[in-house]
Amino acid sequence: MGRTDVGRGMGSRVLCSGLTCIHKAMTDAELVPHQLDKILLVGGASRPPAVARLIETQLKIEPRFDVDPDLAVALGAGIQAATLSGADVQSILVDITPHTFSTSTIDFSGPVERKICVPLIKRNSPLPSAKSEAFYTLYHGQEEVRVDVYQGEHVNPDENTLVGDFLVRDLSNVPAGNPIIVKFDLDLNNMLKVTATEKISGKTREVVMDTREHGRHFDLDEARDNIRGLVGEDVDVESVVNADDDDYIDTEDSMLATAKDLQKRCDILLEAGLNEEDTSQIEQLLKRSTEAIRDRDWDALLEANDTLSDVVFYLED
């Protein structure tokens, strides 16, 4: 580790394929399909009949159009506008963040020290939101610390998206354990203000990061790594990743990222132990996913992702 490490306590767009977004929302709410009373479709994107058919097939509940989908959006916007203007309304809409924002630190609790993410603002927190936490330098006379900001739910920083980072230099010449207070302020526009303050001297550095724009570029190296992790090192990744079509790549990258995430979740389920039927089903779906990536059959990969996502969702419940 470099001299900029800190320790805690002294110790593109990504497309949600199929029902992934619904499953995440239900998981956050700790609900399963049979606990739902009604499904109300909202927004113009819910108008295609295929959307209603997919939801009814997967959740076994017929979606309703009691309110015009576009009108529902307009009514919600009206309520929010009234709330912001100070009007007394019966219904309150609360803006929340769909992502967790963390900074990294060194964890000494296990047999081997490792770099981890420490959440400051957690997913589904009401906006605006602010949280601060103390971290500590690792070395005597440490002159600077790097503050990393990640978006994502994983403990491992490599599995999250780096929003940005910055250095706080010219720290006081004191023994290890110099406290650095890191504060996150996330506003309604998803602008994240990150403040790092050396408690001893009061030295402060403040950086504002736009969390809406990061991660929307295509990372070719990351796509290659995703492919190798799924289909093996001996595959010609150049035949799978077509770098001449940015829109095409962006969609494929999203599906590859989804496939990679599903594979990890399947590995966890298989290690925990499943019955023979579920194990066989997951193994067959993983094989279909791997073959689709190898053959560049993106329609087949999308179908495999959708099916596998549904299976994993119910098995994880």
C-alpha atoms as a PDB file:
ATOM      1  CA  MET A   1       0.000   0.000   0.000  1.00  0.00           C
ATOM      2  CA  GLY A   2       1.159   3.537  -0.725  1.00  0.00           C
ATOM      3  CA  ARG A   3       1.712   6.343   1.689  1.00  0.00           C
ATOM      4  CA  THR A   4      -1.725   7.758   0.934  1.00  0.00           C
ATOM      5  CA  ASP A   5      -3.677   4.886   2.527  1.00  0.00           C
ATOM      6  CA  VAL A   6      -6.054   5.486   5.404  1.00  0.00           C
ATOM      7  CA  GLY A   7      -7.432   2.980   7.911  1.00  0.00           C
ATOM      8  CA  ARG A   8     -10.738   2.887   9.738  1.00  0.00           C
ATOM      9  CA  GLY A   9     -10.933   2.847  13.515  1.00  0.00           C
ATOM     10  CA  MET A  10      -7.225   2.339  13.536  1.00  0.00           C
ATOM     11  CA  GLY A  11      -7.755  -1.151  12.539  1.00  0.00           C
ATOM     12  CA  SER A  12     -22.968   3.987 -19.586  1.00  0.00           C
ATOM     13  CA  ARG A  13     -25.048   3.422 -18.921  1.00  0.00           C
ATOM     14  CA  VAL A  14     -26.172   0.157 -17.388  1.00  0.00           C
ATOM     15  CA  LEU A  15     -29.413  -1.201 -18.716  1.00  0.00           C
ATOM     16  CA  CYS A  16     -31.738  -3.165 -16.451  1.00  0.00           C
ATOM     17  CA  SER A  17     -32.600  -6.226 -18.511  1.00  0.00           C
ATOM     18  CA  GLY A  18     -36.035  -7.798 -18.094  1.00  0.00           C
ATOM     19  CA  LEU A  19     -37.323  -7.620 -14.544  1.00  0.00           C
ATOM     20  CA  THR A  20     -34.052  -6.717 -12.853  1.00  0.00           C
ATOM     21  CA  CYS A  21     -35.291  -3.301 -11.686  1.00  0.00           C
ATOM     22  CA  ILE A  22     -38.524  -4.773 -10.331  1.00  0.00           C
ATOM     23  CA  HIS A  23     -36.624  -7.478  -8.505  1.00  0.00           C
ATOM     24  CA  LYS A  24     -34.273  -4.940  -6.925  1.00  0.00           C
ATOM     25  CA  ALA A  25     -37.193  -2.793  -5.768  1.00  0.00           C
ATOM     26  CA  MET A  26     -38.977  -5.810  -4.263  1.00  0.00           C
ATOM     27  CA  THR A  27     -35.800  -6.983  -2.565  1.00  0.00           C
ATOM     28  CA  ASP A  28     -35.327  -3.530  -0.994  1.00  0.00           C
ATOM     29  CA  ALA A  29     -38.942  -3.624   0.194  1.00  0.00           C
ATOM     30  CA  GLU A  30     -38.492  -7.208   1.474  1.00  0.00           C
ATOM     31  CA  LEU A  31     -41.474  -8.407  -0.548  1.00  0.00           C
ATOM     32  CA  VAL A  32     -42.201 -11.421  -2.741  1.00  0.00           C
ATOM     33  CA  PRO A  33     -44.723 -11.441  -5.651  1.00  0.00           C
ATOM     34  CA  HIS A  34     -47.598 -13.079  -3.780  1.00  0.00           C
ATOM     35  CA  GLN A  35     -47.553 -10.223  -1.252  1.00  0.00           C
ATOM     36  CA  LEU A  36     -48.462  -7.665  -3.929  1.00  0.00           C
ATOM     37  CA  ASP A  37     -52.103  -6.602  -4.134  1.00  0.00           C
ATOM     38  CA  LYS A  38     -52.007  -4.632  -7.376  1.00  0.00           C
ATOM     39  CA  ILE A  39     -49.569  -3.554 -10.055  1.00  0.00           C
ATOM     40  CA  LEU A  40     -50.225  -0.106 -11.522  1.00  0.00           C
ATOM     41  CA  LEU A  41     -48.339   0.768 -14.706  1.00  0.00           C
ATOM     42  CA  VAL A  42     -46.991   4.319 -14.805  1.00  0.00           C
ATOM     43  CA  GLY A  43     -45.233   6.274 -17.553  1.00  0.00           C
ATOM     44  CA  GLY A  44     -45.377   6.113 -21.327  1.00  0.00           C
ATOM     45  CA  ALA A  45     -42.771   3.335 -21.467  1.00  0.00           C
ATOM     46  CA  SER A  46     -45.285   0.988 -19.801  1.00  0.00           C
ATOM     47  CA  ARG A  47     -47.804   1.294 -22.660  1.00  0.00           C
ATOM     48  CA  PRO A  48     -46.510  -1.488 -24.991  1.00  0.00           C
ATOM     49  CA  PRO A  49     -48.614  -4.651 -24.468  1.00  0.00           C
ATOM     50  CA  ALA A  50     -45.427  -6.713 -24.187  1.00  0.00           C
ATOM     51  CA  VAL A  51     -44.620  -4.942 -20.896  1.00  0.00           C
ATOM     52  CA  ALA A  52     -47.925  -5.935 -19.319  1.00  0.00           C
ATOM     53  CA  ARG A  53     -47.637  -9.486 -20.657  1.00  0.00           C
ATOM     54  CA  LEU A  54     -44.117  -9.897 -19.257  1.00  0.00           C
ATOM     55  CA  ILE A  55     -45.112  -8.634 -15.813  1.00  0.00           C
ATOM     56  CA  GLU A  56     -48.232 -10.822 -15.694  1.00  0.00           C
ATOM     57  CA  THR A  57     -46.259 -13.890 -16.790  1.00  0.00           C
ATOM     58  CA  GLN A  58     -43.488 -13.420 -14.252  1.00  0.00           C
ATOM     59  CA  LEU A  59     -45.379 -12.042 -11.241  1.00  0.00           C
ATOM     60  CA  LYS A  60     -48.743 -13.784 -11.825  1.00  0.00           C
ATOM     61  CA  ILE A  61     -50.652 -10.518 -11.376  1.00  0.00           C
ATOM     62  CA  GLU A  62     -52.447  -8.689 -14.176  1.00  0.00           C
ATOM     63  CA  PRO A  63     -51.212  -5.074 -14.345  1.00  0.00           C
ATOM     64  CA  ARG A  64     -53.854  -2.367 -14.164  1.00  0.00           C
ATOM     65  CA  PHE A  65     -54.346   0.841 -16.103  1.00  0.00           C
ATOM     66  CA  ASP A  66     -56.728   2.510 -13.623  1.00  0.00           C
ATOM     67  CA  VAL A  67     -54.935   5.797 -14.239  1.00  0.00           C
ATOM     68  CA  ASP A  68     -53.553   6.886 -17.600  1.00  0.00           C
ATOM     69  CA  PRO A  69     -49.783   6.147 -17.421  1.00  0.00           C
ATOM     70  CA  ASP A  70     -48.824   9.630 -18.612  1.00  0.00           C
ATOM     71  CA  LEU A  71     -51.370  11.314 -16.341  1.00  0.00           C
ATOM     72  CA  ALA A  72     -49.943   9.451 -13.342  1.00  0.00           C
ATOM     73  CA  VAL A  73     -46.528  10.977 -14.019  1.00  0.00           C
ATOM     74  CA  ALA A  74     -48.040  14.443 -14.372  1.00  0.00           C
ATOM     75  CA  LEU A  75     -49.989  14.057 -11.124  1.00  0.00           C
ATOM     76  CA  GLY A  76     -46.858  12.985  -9.289  1.00  0.00           C
ATOM     77  CA  ALA A  77     -44.927  15.944 -10.657  1.00  0.00           C
ATOM     78  CA  GLY A  78     -47.743  18.248  -9.555  1.00  0.00           C
ATOM     79  CA  ILE A  79     -47.709  16.868  -6.018  1.00  0.00           C
ATOM     80  CA  GLN A  80     -43.945  17.238  -5.830  1.00  0.00           C
ATOM     81  CA  ALA A  81     -44.112  20.810  -7.111  1.00  0.00           C
ATOM     82  CA  ALA A  82     -46.761  21.653  -4.520  1.00  0.00           C
ATOM     83  CA  THR A  83     -44.668  20.089  -1.765  1.00  0.00           C
ATOM     84  CA  LEU A  84     -41.574  22.052  -2.761  1.00  0.00           C
ATOM     85  CA  SER A  85     -43.586  25.272  -2.847  1.00  0.00           C
ATOM     86  CA  GLY A  86     -44.790  24.713   0.723  1.00  0.00           C
ATOM     87  CA  ALA A  87     -48.376  23.716  -0.016  1.00  0.00           C
ATOM     88  CA  ASP A  88     -50.144  21.349   2.377  1.00  0.00           C
ATOM     89  CA  VAL A  89     -50.702  18.124   0.435  1.00  0.00           C
ATOM     90  CA  GLN A  90     -51.943  14.759   1.661  1.00  0.00           C
ATOM     91  CA  SER A  91     -49.458  12.737  -0.376  1.00  0.00           C
ATOM     92  CA  ILE A  92     -45.738  13.263   0.029  1.00  0.00           C
ATOM     93  CA  LEU A  93     -43.210  12.188  -2.564  1.00  0.00           C
ATOM     94  CA  VAL A  94     -39.720  11.625  -1.210  1.00  0.00           C
ATOM     95  CA  ASP A  95     -36.684  11.691  -3.473  1.00  0.00           C
ATOM     96  CA  ILE A  96     -34.243   8.913  -2.680  1.00  0.00           C
ATOM     97  CA  THR A  97     -30.867   7.887  -4.017  1.00  0.00           C
ATOM     98  CA  PRO A  98     -30.901   4.605  -5.971  1.00  0.00           C
ATOM     99  CA  HIS A  99     -27.217   3.992  -5.197  1.00  0.00           C
ATOM    100  CA  THR A 100     -24.888   3.662  -2.245  1.00  0.00           C
ATOM    101  CA  PHE A 101     -21.943   6.079  -2.057  1.00  0.00           C
ATOM    102  CA  SER A 102     -18.836   4.973  -0.189  1.00  0.00           C
ATOM    103  CA  THR A 103     -15.220   5.793   0.425  1.00  0.00           C
ATOM    104  CA  SER A 104     -12.422   3.247   0.702  1.00  0.00           C
ATOM    105  CA  THR A 105     -10.329   2.290   3.702  1.00  0.00           C
ATOM    106  CA  ILE A 106      -8.122  -0.535   4.952  1.00  0.00           C
ATOM    107  CA  ASP A 107      -9.798  -3.272   6.996  1.00  0.00           C
ATOM    108  CA  PHE A 108      -7.667  -5.066   9.596  1.00  0.00           C
ATOM    109  CA  SER A 109     -10.419  -7.239  11.092  1.00  0.00           C
ATOM    110  CA  GLY A 110      -9.514 -10.370   9.104  1.00  0.00           C
ATOM    111  CA  PRO A 111      -6.368 -12.455   8.903  1.00  0.00           C
ATOM    112  CA  VAL A 112      -5.194 -10.340   5.945  1.00  0.00           C
ATOM    113  CA  GLU A 113      -5.623  -6.605   5.592  1.00  0.00           C
ATOM    114  CA  ARG A 114      -7.745  -5.604   2.618  1.00  0.00           C
ATOM    115  CA  LYS A 115      -9.188  -2.530   0.974  1.00  0.00           C
ATOM    116  CA  ILE A 116     -12.942  -2.174   1.475  1.00  0.00           C
ATOM    117  CA  CYS A 117     -15.724   0.317   0.827  1.00  0.00           C
ATOM    118  CA  VAL A 118     -17.371   2.035   3.786  1.00  0.00           C
ATOM    119  CA  PRO A 119     -20.875   3.344   2.924  1.00  0.00           C
ATOM    120  CA  LEU A 120     -21.619   6.880   3.992  1.00  0.00           C
ATOM    121  CA  ILE A 121     -24.845   7.450   2.064  1.00  0.00           C
ATOM    122  CA  LYS A 122     -26.751   4.219   1.592  1.00  0.00           C
ATOM    123  CA  ARG A 123     -29.103   3.260  -1.211  1.00  0.00           C
ATOM    124  CA  ASN A 124     -32.709   4.449  -0.708  1.00  0.00           C
ATOM    125  CA  SER A 125     -31.647   7.303   1.596  1.00  0.00           C
ATOM    126  CA  PRO A 126     -33.996  10.321   1.338  1.00  0.00           C
ATOM    127  CA  LEU A 127     -32.537  13.324  -0.466  1.00  0.00           C
ATOM    128  CA  PRO A 128     -30.921  15.634   0.387  1.00  0.00           C
ATOM    129  CA  SER A 129     -28.715  13.448   2.560  1.00  0.00           C
ATOM    130  CA  ALA A 130     -25.525  14.063   4.550  1.00  0.00           C
ATOM    131  CA  LYS A 131     -23.274  11.759   6.561  1.00  0.00           C
ATOM    132  CA  SER A 132     -19.785  12.023   8.011  1.00  0.00           C
ATOM    133  CA  GLU A 133     -17.377   9.513   9.498  1.00  0.00           C
ATOM    134  CA  ALA A 134     -13.895   9.552  10.986  1.00  0.00           C
ATOM    135  CA  PHE A 135     -10.965   7.728   9.392  1.00  0.00           C
ATOM    136  CA  TYR A 136      -7.351   7.582  10.552  1.00  0.00           C
ATOM    137  CA  THR A 137      -3.899   7.730   8.998  1.00  0.00           C
ATOM    138  CA  LEU A 138      -1.839   4.549   8.962  1.00  0.00           C
ATOM    139  CA  TYR A 139       1.702   5.899   9.246  1.00  0.00           C
ATOM    140  CA  HIS A 140       3.688   8.180  11.537  1.00  0.00           C
ATOM    141  CA  GLY A 141       4.189  11.547   9.872  1.00  0.00           C
ATOM    142  CA  GLN A 142       1.807  10.680   7.006  1.00  0.00           C
ATOM    143  CA  GLU A 143       1.709  13.769   4.796  1.00  0.00           C
ATOM    144  CA  GLU A 144      -1.334  13.106   2.615  1.00  0.00           C
ATOM    145  CA  VAL A 145      -4.407  10.919   2.205  1.00  0.00           C
ATOM    146  CA  ARG A 146      -6.416  10.041  -0.872  1.00  0.00           C
ATOM    147  CA  VAL A 147     -10.203  10.166  -0.619  1.00  0.00           C
ATOM    148  CA  ASP A 148     -11.905   7.803  -3.075  1.00  0.00           C
ATOM    149  CA  VAL A 149     -15.622   7.993  -3.821  1.00  0.00           C
ATOM    150  CA  TYR A 150     -17.416   4.896  -5.088  1.00  0.00           C
ATOM    151  CA  GLN A 151     -20.943   4.175  -6.242  1.00  0.00           C
ATOM    152  CA  GLY A 152     -22.249   0.662  -5.719  1.00  0.00           C
ATOM    153  CA  GLU A 153     -23.344  -1.902  -3.179  1.00  0.00           C
ATOM    154  CA  HIS A 154     -20.240  -4.112  -2.970  1.00  0.00           C
ATOM    155  CA  VAL A 155     -17.707  -4.179  -0.130  1.00  0.00           C
ATOM    156  CA  ASN A 156     -14.938  -4.715  -2.687  1.00  0.00           C
ATOM    157  CA  PRO A 157     -14.064  -1.364  -4.332  1.00  0.00           C
ATOM    158  CA  ASP A 158     -13.153  -3.115  -7.602  1.00  0.00           C
ATOM    159  CA  GLU A 159     -16.796  -4.196  -7.963  1.00  0.00           C
ATOM    160  CA  ASN A 160     -18.096  -0.638  -7.636  1.00  0.00           C
ATOM    161  CA  THR A 161     -17.851   2.416  -9.887  1.00  0.00           C
ATOM    162  CA  LEU A 162     -15.261   5.042  -9.049  1.00  0.00           C
ATOM    163  CA  VAL A 163     -16.993   8.437  -9.070  1.00  0.00           C
ATOM    164  CA  GLY A 164     -13.810  10.377  -8.365  1.00  0.00           C
ATOM    165  CA  ASP A 165     -10.924  10.917  -5.959  1.00  0.00           C
ATOM    166  CA  PHE A 166      -8.715  13.676  -4.585  1.00  0.00           C
ATOM    167  CA  LEU A 167      -5.749  14.196  -2.260  1.00  0.00           C
ATOM    168  CA  VAL A 168      -5.555  16.081   1.031  1.00  0.00           C
ATOM    169  CA  ARG A 169      -1.905  17.157   1.353  1.00  0.00           C
ATOM    170  CA  ASP A 170       0.372  18.760   3.968  1.00  0.00           C
ATOM    171  CA  LEU A 171      -1.097  16.955   6.962  1.00  0.00           C
ATOM    172  CA  SER A 172       0.305  17.579  10.428  1.00  0.00           C
ATOM    173  CA  ASN A 173       3.489  15.720  11.367  1.00  0.00           C
ATOM    174  CA  VAL A 174       1.944  13.517  14.053  1.00  0.00           C
ATOM    175  CA  PRO A 175       1.908   9.789  14.909  1.00  0.00           C
ATOM    176  CA  ALA A 176      -0.359   7.323  13.100  1.00  0.00           C
ATOM    177  CA  GLY A 177      -4.001   7.719  13.985  1.00  0.00           C
ATOM    178  CA  ASN A 178      -4.400  11.305  12.826  1.00  0.00           C
ATOM    179  CA  PRO A 179      -8.220  11.619  12.450  1.00  0.00           C
ATOM    180  CA  ILE A 180      -9.602  12.683   9.061  1.00  0.00           C
ATOM    181  CA  ILE A 181     -13.319  13.494   8.974  1.00  0.00           C
ATOM    182  CA  VAL A 182     -14.937  12.638   5.630  1.00  0.00           C
ATOM    183  CA  LYS A 183     -18.377  14.059   4.922  1.00  0.00           C
ATOM    184  CA  PHE A 184     -20.733  13.348   1.984  1.00  0.00           C
ATOM    185  CA  ASP A 185     -23.543  15.748   1.055  1.00  0.00           C
ATOM    186  CA  LEU A 186     -25.833  14.507  -1.751  1.00  0.00           C
ATOM    187  CA  ASP A 187     -28.436  16.989  -3.008  1.00  0.00           C
ATOM    188  CA  LEU A 188     -31.648  16.596  -5.009  1.00  0.00           C
ATOM    189  CA  ASN A 189     -29.736  17.033  -8.275  1.00  0.00           C
ATOM    190  CA  ASN A 190     -27.381  14.144  -7.409  1.00  0.00           C
ATOM    191  CA  MET A 191     -24.473  16.521  -6.917  1.00  0.00           C
ATOM    192  CA  LEU A 192     -22.213  15.018  -4.265  1.00  0.00           C
ATOM    193  CA  LYS A 193     -20.117  17.390  -2.150  1.00  0.00           C
ATOM    194  CA  VAL A 194     -17.233  15.551  -0.482  1.00  0.00           C
ATOM    195  CA  THR A 195     -15.396  17.258   2.368  1.00  0.00           C
ATOM    196  CA  ALA A 196     -12.258  15.917   4.061  1.00  0.00           C
ATOM    197  CA  THR A 197     -11.070  17.669   7.212  1.00  0.00           C
ATOM    198  CA  GLU A 198      -7.979  17.025   9.340  1.00  0.00           C
ATOM    199  CA  LYS A 199      -9.399  17.290  12.849  1.00  0.00           C
ATOM    200  CA  ILE A 200      -6.163  18.427  14.499  1.00  0.00           C
ATOM    201  CA  SER A 201      -5.457  21.411  12.237  1.00  0.00           C
ATOM    202  CA  GLY A 202      -8.843  22.057  10.667  1.00  0.00           C
ATOM    203  CA  LYS A 203      -7.278  21.776   7.180  1.00  0.00           C
ATOM    204  CA  THR A 204     -10.125  21.087   4.759  1.00  0.00           C
ATOM    205  CA  ARG A 205     -10.511  20.163   1.135  1.00  0.00           C
ATOM    206  CA  GLU A 206     -13.892  20.117  -0.577  1.00  0.00           C
ATOM    207  CA  VAL A 207     -14.781  18.647  -3.966  1.00  0.00           C
ATOM    208  CA  VAL A 208     -18.153  18.533  -5.756  1.00  0.00           C
ATOM    209  CA  MET A 209     -18.819  15.519  -8.001  1.00  0.00           C
ATOM    210  CA  ASP A 210     -21.639  15.084 -10.518  1.00  0.00           C
ATOM    211  CA  THR A 211     -22.818  11.507  -9.915  1.00  0.00           C
ATOM    212  CA  ARG A 212     -25.123  11.618 -12.946  1.00  0.00           C
ATOM    213  CA  GLU A 213     -22.416  11.688 -15.603  1.00  0.00           C
ATOM    214  CA  HIS A 214     -19.810   9.179 -14.460  1.00  0.00           C
ATOM    215  CA  GLY A 215     -19.756   5.630 -15.761  1.00  0.00           C
ATOM    216  CA  ARG A 216     -21.601   6.451 -18.985  1.00  0.00           C
ATOM    217  CA  HIS A 217     -18.543   6.010 -21.176  1.00  0.00           C
ATOM    218  CA  PHE A 218     -17.609   2.633 -22.550  1.00  0.00           C
ATOM    219  CA  ASP A 219     -14.550   0.987 -20.993  1.00  0.00           C
ATOM    220  CA  LEU A 220     -13.121  -1.374 -23.598  1.00  0.00           C
ATOM    221  CA  ASP A 221     -10.638  -3.001 -21.205  1.00  0.00           C
ATOM    222  CA  GLU A 222     -13.395  -3.681 -18.688  1.00  0.00           C
ATOM    223  CA  ALA A 223     -15.535  -5.281 -21.401  1.00  0.00           C
ATOM    224  CA  ARG A 224     -12.648  -7.571 -22.378  1.00  0.00           C
ATOM    225  CA  ASP A 225     -12.172  -8.594 -18.744  1.00  0.00           C
ATOM    226  CA  ASN A 226     -15.892  -9.326 -18.426  1.00  0.00           C
ATOM    227  CA  ILE A 227     -15.765 -11.575 -21.480  1.00  0.00           C
ATOM    228  CA  ARG A 228     -12.639 -13.431 -20.317  1.00  0.00           C
ATOM    229  CA  GLY A 229     -14.195 -14.015 -16.929  1.00  0.00           C
ATOM    230  CA  LEU A 230     -17.251 -15.580 -18.516  1.00  0.00           C
ATOM    231  CA  VAL A 231     -15.915 -17.591 -21.450  1.00  0.00           C
ATOM    232  CA  GLY A 232     -12.237 -18.168 -20.641  1.00  0.00           C
ATOM    233  CA  GLU A 233      -8.837 -16.693 -21.443  1.00  0.00           C
ATOM    234  CA  ASP A 234      -8.472 -18.546 -24.756  1.00  0.00           C
ATOM    235  CA  VAL A 235     -11.371 -16.694 -26.430  1.00  0.00           C
ATOM    236  CA  ASP A 236     -10.535 -14.055 -29.035  1.00  0.00           C
ATOM    237  CA  VAL A 237     -12.090 -11.079 -27.304  1.00  0.00           C
ATOM    238  CA  GLU A 238     -11.599  -8.858 -30.342  1.00  0.00           C
ATOM    239  CA  SER A 239     -14.119 -11.031 -32.172  1.00  0.00           C
ATOM    240  CA  VAL A 240     -16.639 -10.386 -29.396  1.00  0.00           C
ATOM    241  CA  VAL A 241     -16.123  -6.669 -28.731  1.00  0.00           C
ATOM    242  CA  ASN A 242     -16.745  -4.467 -31.755  1.00  0.00           C
ATOM    243  CA  ALA A 243     -15.160  -1.117 -31.013  1.00  0.00           C
ATOM    244  CA  ASP A 244     -16.471   0.614 -34.143  1.00  0.00           C
ATOM    245  CA  ASP A 245     -20.060   1.032 -32.994  1.00  0.00           C
ATOM    246  CA  ASP A 246     -20.350   2.952 -29.724  1.00  0.00           C
ATOM    247  CA  ASP A 247     -24.099   2.453 -29.246  1.00  0.00           C
ATOM    248  CA  TYR A 248     -23.836  -1.240 -30.080  1.00  0.00           C
ATOM    249  CA  ILE A 249     -20.943  -1.660 -27.662  1.00  0.00           C
ATOM    250  CA  ASP A 250     -22.690   0.194 -24.889  1.00  0.00           C
ATOM    251  CA  THR A 251     -25.673  -2.176 -25.049  1.00  0.00           C
ATOM    252  CA  GLU A 252     -23.474  -5.268 -25.168  1.00  0.00           C
ATOM    253  CA  ASP A 253     -21.373  -3.977 -22.284  1.00  0.00           C
ATOM    254  CA  SER A 254     -24.524  -3.653 -20.189  1.00  0.00           C
ATOM    255  CA  MET A 255     -25.563  -7.223 -20.952  1.00  0.00           C
ATOM    256  CA  LEU A 256     -22.062  -8.510 -20.223  1.00  0.00           C
ATOM    257  CA  ALA A 257     -22.022  -6.684 -16.894  1.00  0.00           C
ATOM    258  CA  THR A 258     -25.417  -8.186 -16.030  1.00  0.00           C
ATOM    259  CA  ALA A 259     -24.195 -11.666 -16.997  1.00  0.00           C
ATOM    260  CA  LYS A 260     -21.092 -11.247 -14.833  1.00  0.00           C
ATOM    261  CA  ASP A 261     -23.152 -10.139 -11.837  1.00  0.00           C
ATOM    262  CA  LEU A 262     -25.582 -13.043 -12.273  1.00  0.00           C
ATOM    263  CA  GLN A 263     -22.716 -15.514 -12.480  1.00  0.00           C
ATOM    264  CA  LYS A 264     -21.335 -14.282  -9.148  1.00  0.00           C
ATOM    265  CA  ARG A 265     -24.747 -14.543  -7.517  1.00  0.00           C
ATOM    266  CA  CYS A 266     -25.149 -18.062  -8.893  1.00  0.00           C
ATOM    267  CA  ASP A 267     -21.756 -19.051  -7.515  1.00  0.00           C
ATOM    268  CA  ILE A 268     -22.859 -17.901  -4.061  1.00  0.00           C
ATOM    269  CA  LEU A 269     -26.091 -19.920  -4.296  1.00  0.00           C
ATOM    270  CA  LEU A 270     -24.283 -23.035  -5.510  1.00  0.00           C
ATOM    271  CA  GLU A 271     -21.703 -22.780  -2.738  1.00  0.00           C
ATOM    272  CA  ALA A 272     -24.484 -22.395  -0.151  1.00  0.00           C
ATOM    273  CA  GLY A 273     -26.100 -25.609  -1.416  1.00  0.00           C
ATOM    274  CA  LEU A 274     -29.182 -26.121  -3.583  1.00  0.00           C
ATOM    275  CA  ASN A 275     -31.290 -29.144  -4.376  1.00  0.00           C
ATOM    276  CA  GLU A 276     -30.438 -31.194  -7.451  1.00  0.00           C
ATOM    277  CA  GLU A 277     -33.169 -29.676  -9.639  1.00  0.00           C
ATOM    278  CA  ASP A 278     -32.236 -26.050  -8.903  1.00  0.00           C
ATOM    279  CA  THR A 279     -28.527 -26.793  -9.308  1.00  0.00           C
ATOM    280  CA  SER A 280     -29.138 -28.374 -12.705  1.00  0.00           C
ATOM    281  CA  GLN A 281     -31.291 -25.456 -13.865  1.00  0.00           C
ATOM    282  CA  ILE A 282     -28.699 -22.853 -12.874  1.00  0.00           C
ATOM    283  CA  GLU A 283     -25.855 -24.785 -14.496  1.00  0.00           C
ATOM    284  CA  GLN A 284     -27.822 -25.078 -17.760  1.00  0.00           C
ATOM    285  CA  LEU A 285     -28.637 -21.364 -17.772  1.00  0.00           C
ATOM    286  CA  LEU A 286     -25.024 -20.428 -17.072  1.00  0.00           C
ATOM    287  CA  LYS A 287     -23.971 -22.649 -19.975  1.00  0.00           C
ATOM    288  CA  ARG A 288     -26.471 -20.910 -22.276  1.00  0.00           C
ATOM    289  CA  SER A 289     -25.136 -17.532 -21.150  1.00  0.00           C
ATOM    290  CA  THR A 290     -21.519 -18.557 -21.806  1.00  0.00           C
ATOM    291  CA  GLU A 291     -22.366 -19.945 -25.260  1.00  0.00           C
ATOM    292  CA  ALA A 292     -24.293 -16.784 -26.174  1.00  0.00           C
ATOM    293  CA  ILE A 293     -21.296 -14.602 -25.298  1.00  0.00           C
ATOM    294  CA  ARG A 294     -18.924 -16.865 -27.191  1.00  0.00           C
ATOM    295  CA  ASP A 295     -21.166 -16.821 -30.281  1.00  0.00           C
ATOM    296  CA  ARG A 296     -21.926 -13.088 -30.007  1.00  0.00           C
ATOM    297  CA  ASP A 297     -25.626 -13.976 -29.900  1.00  0.00           C
ATOM    298  CA  TRP A 298     -26.849 -10.948 -27.964  1.00  0.00           C
ATOM    299  CA  ASP A 299     -30.539 -11.841 -28.250  1.00  0.00           C
ATOM    300  CA  ALA A 300     -29.797 -15.216 -26.679  1.00  0.00           C
ATOM    301  CA  LEU A 301     -27.717 -13.537 -23.953  1.00  0.00           C
ATOM    302  CA  LEU A 302     -30.531 -11.116 -23.144  1.00  0.00           C
ATOM    303  CA  GLU A 303     -32.964 -14.035 -22.876  1.00  0.00           C
ATOM    304  CA  ALA A 304     -30.523 -16.000 -20.709  1.00  0.00           C
ATOM    305  CA  ASN A 305     -29.988 -12.992 -18.445  1.00  0.00           C
ATOM    306  CA  ASP A 306     -33.728 -12.477 -18.028  1.00  0.00           C
ATOM    307  CA  THR A 307     -34.419 -16.121 -17.204  1.00  0.00           C
ATOM    308  CA  LEU A 308     -31.429 -16.456 -14.896  1.00  0.00           C
ATOM    309  CA  SER A 309     -32.323 -13.204 -13.124  1.00  0.00           C
ATOM    310  CA  ASP A 310     -35.787 -14.542 -12.339  1.00  0.00           C
ATOM    311  CA  VAL A 311     -34.446 -17.875 -11.087  1.00  0.00           C
ATOM    312  CA  VAL A 312     -31.811 -16.256  -8.891  1.00  0.00           C
ATOM    313  CA  PHE A 313     -34.319 -13.778  -7.497  1.00  0.00           C
ATOM    314  CA  TYR A 314     -36.608 -16.508  -6.193  1.00  0.00           C
ATOM    315  CA  LEU A 315     -33.764 -18.686  -4.901  1.00  0.00           C
ATOM    316  CA  GLU A 316     -32.201 -15.757  -3.033  1.00  0.00           C
ATOM    317  CA  ASP A 317     -35.485 -14.892  -1.361  1.00  0.00           C
END
